[in-house]
């Protein structure tokens, strides 16, 4: 079985962060592992508190994985400070890690900021050059590119600028009210659109974590980048389309993922 490592923060509600990453990787057919950057008290409504691990302890976690079960792909999610970013970059270079997917998490779906200001430049200069692909959303791409994004042409220009400056492929996600659910990949001087239909599901907490983790899993399995992205978008669309709702006062869980990433009806207990 192929393996994948997620380096990210936690989410006790299970919808985002490490917990979502492990689920998405498992459902996409790889053995999932984790190195935790921060304990995050959050749920679908917001972030309450963030407690970071030390850079030394994060390095120990990464070493523990690579010395025993070297991952075929690595996904990097929430990293809030410069010291942690430096540690990740140094360790991944040391182990010559491959198939690195950087999800430059800066703001949660709830609107809460998840990275300190000075760490943004460190992320740009230390992690993006290591990435096989970066997966920013529109607000994140505006920060990384330094330009406003208002439509398709802006998405193409921003992805090209980020890729040219930092030397990585860029999948710019169009889910923030631009071009329906269409995402734009720019790499090696060429661009490609991945088209999707917006699914009107209010439960979008953790979708970015899920997509980037699925991409990492599919890269680990040997798919090329466009194929990995296409398979991951199909997986995420299936999850959103199932309209699973776990809010207060709901009845028993009626759906669950099977290993193809499709929802299967589950008998009530």
Protein backbone atom coordinates (compact mmCIF):
# COMPACT_ATOMS: atom_id res chain seq x y z
CA UNK A 1 0.00 0.00 0.00
CA UNK A 2 1.23 3.51 -0.81
CA UNK A 3 1.65 5.98 2.04
CA UNK A 4 1.00 9.68 2.63
CA UNK A 5 1.86 12.07 5.46
CA UNK A 6 -0.19 15.08 6.55
CA UNK A 7 1.60 17.88 8.39
CA UNK A 8 -1.12 20.15 9.77
CA UNK A 9 -3.18 21.30 12.75
CA UNK A 10 -6.03 19.43 14.39
CA UNK A 11 -9.81 19.84 14.31
CA UNK A 12 -11.67 18.12 17.17
CA UNK A 13 -14.95 18.35 15.23
CA UNK A 14 -13.38 16.11 12.57
CA UNK A 15 -14.26 18.22 9.53
CA UNK A 16 -10.93 19.87 8.75
CA UNK A 17 -7.24 19.66 9.61
CA UNK A 18 -5.45 16.43 10.43
CA UNK A 19 -8.68 14.54 11.06
CA UNK A 20 -10.10 15.42 7.63
CA UNK A 21 -6.75 14.72 5.98
CA UNK A 22 -6.51 11.22 7.40
CA UNK A 23 -10.07 10.42 6.32
CA UNK A 24 -9.54 11.72 2.78
CA UNK A 25 -6.23 9.91 2.35
CA UNK A 26 -7.70 6.65 3.64
CA UNK A 27 -10.73 6.92 1.37
CA UNK A 28 -8.43 7.52 -1.58
CA UNK A 29 -6.62 4.27 -0.91
CA UNK A 30 -3.36 5.08 0.86
CA UNK A 31 -1.99 4.51 4.36
CA UNK A 32 -2.33 7.87 6.13
CA UNK A 33 0.08 9.28 8.72
CA UNK A 34 0.33 12.63 10.51
CA UNK A 35 2.64 15.14 12.14
CA UNK A 36 0.76 17.74 14.18
CA UNK A 37 1.75 21.40 14.01
CA UNK A 38 -0.84 22.74 16.45
CA UNK A 39 -3.75 21.73 18.63
CA UNK A 40 -6.70 23.79 17.41
CA UNK A 41 -9.92 24.14 19.40
CA UNK A 42 -12.33 24.65 16.50
CA UNK A 43 -15.53 23.43 14.93
CA UNK A 44 -17.61 24.35 11.89
CA UNK A 45 -18.53 27.69 13.52
CA UNK A 46 -15.11 29.05 14.38
CA UNK A 47 -11.69 28.79 16.00
CA UNK A 48 -11.48 29.19 19.80
CA UNK A 49 -7.80 28.66 20.59
CA UNK A 50 -4.57 27.51 18.94
CA UNK A 51 -1.73 25.87 20.87
CA UNK A 52 1.35 25.26 18.71
CA UNK A 53 3.81 22.43 19.22
CA UNK A 54 7.48 23.37 19.42
CA UNK A 55 9.61 23.22 16.27
CA UNK A 56 11.78 20.58 17.96
CA UNK A 57 8.80 18.33 18.68
CA UNK A 58 7.42 18.77 15.15
CA UNK A 59 10.82 17.73 13.81
CA UNK A 60 10.74 14.64 16.02
CA UNK A 61 7.33 13.68 14.63
CA UNK A 62 8.53 14.04 11.04
CA UNK A 63 11.67 12.03 11.82
CA UNK A 64 9.58 9.28 13.43
CA UNK A 65 7.57 8.89 10.23
CA UNK A 66 10.39 9.05 7.70
CA UNK A 67 12.70 6.74 9.67
CA UNK A 68 10.05 4.02 9.81
CA UNK A 69 7.48 4.41 7.00
CA UNK A 70 8.77 6.88 4.37
CA UNK A 71 5.74 8.55 2.76
CA UNK A 72 5.13 8.48 -0.99
CA UNK A 73 3.53 11.94 -0.71
CA UNK A 74 3.33 14.75 1.83
CA UNK A 75 0.51 17.24 2.35
CA UNK A 76 1.27 20.41 4.32
CA UNK A 77 -1.68 22.28 5.78
CA UNK A 78 -1.93 24.75 8.65
CA UNK A 79 1.47 25.99 9.85
CA UNK A 80 1.12 29.15 11.90
CA UNK A 81 4.66 30.37 12.61
CA UNK A 82 8.11 30.80 11.11
CA UNK A 83 9.92 28.28 13.31
CA UNK A 84 7.54 25.47 12.38
CA UNK A 85 7.78 26.29 8.68
CA UNK A 86 11.58 26.31 8.84
CA UNK A 87 11.56 22.92 10.56
CA UNK A 88 9.25 21.38 7.97
CA UNK A 89 11.32 22.70 5.09
CA UNK A 90 14.62 21.53 6.59
CA UNK A 91 13.34 18.03 7.40
CA UNK A 92 11.65 17.50 4.04
CA UNK A 93 14.81 18.58 2.22
CA UNK A 94 16.88 16.27 4.43
CA UNK A 95 14.70 13.26 3.56
CA UNK A 96 14.33 14.31 -0.10
CA UNK A 97 10.55 14.08 0.25
CA UNK A 98 8.54 13.86 -2.97
CA UNK A 99 5.03 14.64 -4.15
CA UNK A 100 4.66 17.54 -1.71
CA UNK A 101 1.27 19.28 -1.77
CA UNK A 102 1.18 22.66 -0.01
CA UNK A 103 -2.25 23.92 1.01
CA UNK A 104 -1.34 27.47 2.13
CA UNK A 105 -3.95 27.68 4.88
CA UNK A 106 -4.18 31.27 6.07
CA UNK A 107 -7.84 31.81 6.98
CA UNK A 108 -10.39 29.22 8.13
CA UNK A 109 -13.74 28.85 6.36
CA UNK A 110 -15.23 30.60 9.41
CA UNK A 111 -13.04 33.66 8.70
CA UNK A 112 -10.57 33.12 11.56
CA UNK A 113 -6.93 33.86 10.71
CA UNK A 114 -4.66 30.81 11.11
CA UNK A 115 -1.16 32.13 10.38
CA UNK A 116 0.83 35.03 11.78
CA UNK A 117 1.76 37.84 9.39
CA UNK A 118 5.51 37.28 9.41
CA UNK A 119 5.08 33.56 8.67
CA UNK A 120 3.50 34.27 5.28
CA UNK A 121 6.83 35.27 3.73
CA UNK A 122 8.53 32.24 5.26
CA UNK A 123 5.85 29.99 3.78
CA UNK A 124 6.33 31.59 0.38
CA UNK A 125 10.09 31.29 0.35
CA UNK A 126 10.63 27.99 2.18
CA UNK A 127 7.65 25.74 1.44
CA UNK A 128 6.36 26.74 -2.00
CA UNK A 129 9.66 25.98 -3.76
CA UNK A 130 9.43 22.41 -2.39
CA UNK A 131 5.89 21.84 -3.65
CA UNK A 132 4.84 19.63 -6.52
CA UNK A 133 1.68 21.73 -6.36
CA UNK A 134 0.24 24.49 -4.18
CA UNK A 135 -3.54 24.69 -3.75
CA UNK A 136 -4.53 28.24 -2.72
CA UNK A 137 -8.10 29.50 -2.75
CA UNK A 138 -8.88 32.97 -4.10
CA UNK A 139 -8.08 34.96 -0.89
CA UNK A 140 -4.87 33.00 -0.37
CA UNK A 141 -3.83 33.44 -4.00
CA UNK A 142 -4.36 37.19 -3.67
CA UNK A 143 -1.90 37.23 -0.77
CA UNK A 144 0.63 35.00 -2.54
CA UNK A 145 0.44 36.85 -5.86
CA UNK A 146 -0.07 40.38 -4.56
CA UNK A 147 -2.92 41.01 -6.99
CA UNK A 148 -6.70 41.23 -6.85
CA UNK A 149 -8.64 38.35 -8.40
CA UNK A 150 -12.05 39.15 -9.83
CA UNK A 151 -12.51 36.68 -12.69
CA UNK A 152 -11.06 33.99 -14.96
CA UNK A 153 -8.30 36.12 -16.44
CA UNK A 154 -7.20 37.22 -12.97
CA UNK A 155 -7.12 33.60 -11.80
CA UNK A 156 -4.91 32.66 -14.73
CA UNK A 157 -2.58 35.62 -14.16
CA UNK A 158 -2.30 35.01 -10.40
CA UNK A 159 -1.57 31.29 -10.79
CA UNK A 160 1.06 32.07 -13.40
CA UNK A 161 2.70 34.70 -11.19
CA UNK A 162 2.86 32.39 -8.14
CA UNK A 163 4.24 29.54 -10.23
CA UNK A 164 6.85 31.71 -11.95
CA UNK A 165 8.06 33.29 -8.70
CA UNK A 166 8.19 30.19 -6.51
CA UNK A 167 8.78 27.43 -9.05
CA UNK A 168 5.84 25.19 -8.22
CA UNK A 169 2.68 24.13 -10.00
CA UNK A 170 -0.38 26.03 -8.75
CA UNK A 171 -3.97 24.81 -8.55
CA UNK A 172 -5.99 27.96 -7.92
CA UNK A 173 -9.40 26.99 -6.55
CA UNK A 174 -12.32 29.03 -7.87
CA UNK A 175 -14.85 28.20 -5.17
CA UNK A 176 -15.01 31.72 -3.72
CA UNK A 177 -17.79 32.97 -6.02
CA UNK A 178 -15.69 32.97 -9.18
CA UNK A 179 -16.38 30.68 -12.13
CA UNK A 180 -18.67 28.30 -10.30
CA UNK A 181 -16.53 25.40 -9.00
CA UNK A 182 -13.86 25.66 -11.68
CA UNK A 183 -10.19 25.40 -10.70
CA UNK A 184 -7.17 26.47 -12.74
CA UNK A 185 -3.87 24.59 -12.85
CA UNK A 186 -0.74 26.34 -14.07
CA UNK A 187 2.56 24.50 -14.40
CA UNK A 188 5.61 24.47 -16.64
CA UNK A 189 4.37 27.39 -18.71
CA UNK A 190 0.94 25.94 -19.50
CA UNK A 191 -2.51 26.21 -17.95
CA UNK A 192 -5.47 23.84 -17.65
CA UNK A 193 -9.01 24.36 -16.35
CA UNK A 194 -10.81 21.74 -14.27
CA UNK A 195 -14.54 22.31 -14.48
CA UNK A 196 -17.09 21.50 -11.82
CA UNK A 197 -20.65 22.37 -10.83
CA UNK A 198 -21.23 24.34 -7.65
CA UNK A 199 -23.03 22.17 -5.11
CA UNK A 200 -25.29 24.18 -2.83
CA UNK A 201 -24.24 22.58 0.42
CA UNK A 202 -23.71 24.92 3.40
CA UNK A 203 -21.40 22.41 5.10
CA UNK A 204 -18.11 23.34 3.43
CA UNK A 205 -15.88 23.27 6.52
CA UNK A 206 -12.64 21.51 5.58
CA UNK A 207 -13.16 21.20 1.82
CA UNK A 208 -9.72 22.65 1.10
CA UNK A 209 -8.07 20.19 3.49
CA UNK A 210 -9.94 17.32 1.89
CA UNK A 211 -9.07 18.27 -1.70
CA UNK A 212 -5.35 18.76 -1.05
CA UNK A 213 -5.14 15.50 0.91
CA UNK A 214 -6.90 13.59 -1.85
CA UNK A 215 -4.46 15.06 -4.38
CA UNK A 216 -1.53 13.94 -2.23
CA UNK A 217 -3.02 10.45 -1.96
CA UNK A 218 -3.46 10.15 -5.70
CA UNK A 219 0.06 11.41 -6.37
CA UNK A 220 1.32 8.79 -3.90
CA UNK A 221 -0.47 6.15 -5.95
CA UNK A 222 1.47 7.19 -9.05
CA UNK A 223 -1.08 9.28 -10.94
CA UNK A 224 0.23 12.33 -12.77
CA UNK A 225 -0.81 15.73 -11.44
CA UNK A 226 -3.78 16.44 -13.78
CA UNK A 227 -5.20 12.96 -13.20
CA UNK A 228 -4.70 13.26 -9.43
CA UNK A 229 -6.55 16.59 -9.44
CA UNK A 230 -9.42 15.25 -11.53
CA UNK A 231 -9.89 12.21 -9.30
CA UNK A 232 -9.75 14.40 -6.19
CA UNK A 233 -12.33 16.87 -7.49
CA UNK A 234 -14.67 13.96 -8.26
CA UNK A 235 -14.16 12.64 -4.74
CA UNK A 236 -14.89 16.01 -3.13
CA UNK A 237 -17.96 16.56 -5.31
CA UNK A 238 -19.32 13.19 -4.19
CA UNK A 239 -18.83 14.14 -0.55
CA UNK A 240 -20.54 17.52 -0.93
CA UNK A 241 -23.32 16.08 -3.07
CA UNK A 242 -24.30 13.60 -0.35
CA UNK A 243 -25.47 16.53 1.83
CA UNK A 244 -24.38 14.90 5.08
CA UNK A 245 -25.52 17.01 8.05
CA UNK A 246 -24.23 16.33 11.56
CA UNK A 247 -25.59 19.43 13.33
CA UNK A 248 -27.36 19.50 16.69
CA UNK A 249 -30.61 17.64 16.93
CA UNK A 250 -30.03 15.46 13.86
CA UNK A 251 -31.05 11.84 13.74
CA UNK A 252 -28.73 8.83 13.44
CA UNK A 253 -25.92 8.99 10.87
CA UNK A 254 -27.48 7.69 7.68
CA UNK A 255 -24.53 7.75 5.29
CA UNK A 256 -20.92 6.79 5.33
CA UNK A 257 -18.06 6.67 2.82
CA UNK A 258 -17.04 3.42 1.25
CA UNK A 259 -13.52 3.01 -0.07
CA UNK A 260 -14.43 4.26 -3.55
CA UNK A 261 -15.25 7.66 -2.08
CA UNK A 262 -18.95 7.25 -2.82
CA UNK A 263 -21.62 7.40 -0.14
CA UNK A 264 -23.34 4.15 0.74
CA UNK A 265 -26.57 3.80 2.61
CA UNK A 266 -26.00 2.40 6.08
CA UNK A 267 -28.62 0.53 8.08
CA UNK A 268 -29.79 2.39 11.15
CA UNK A 269 -28.91 0.77 14.44
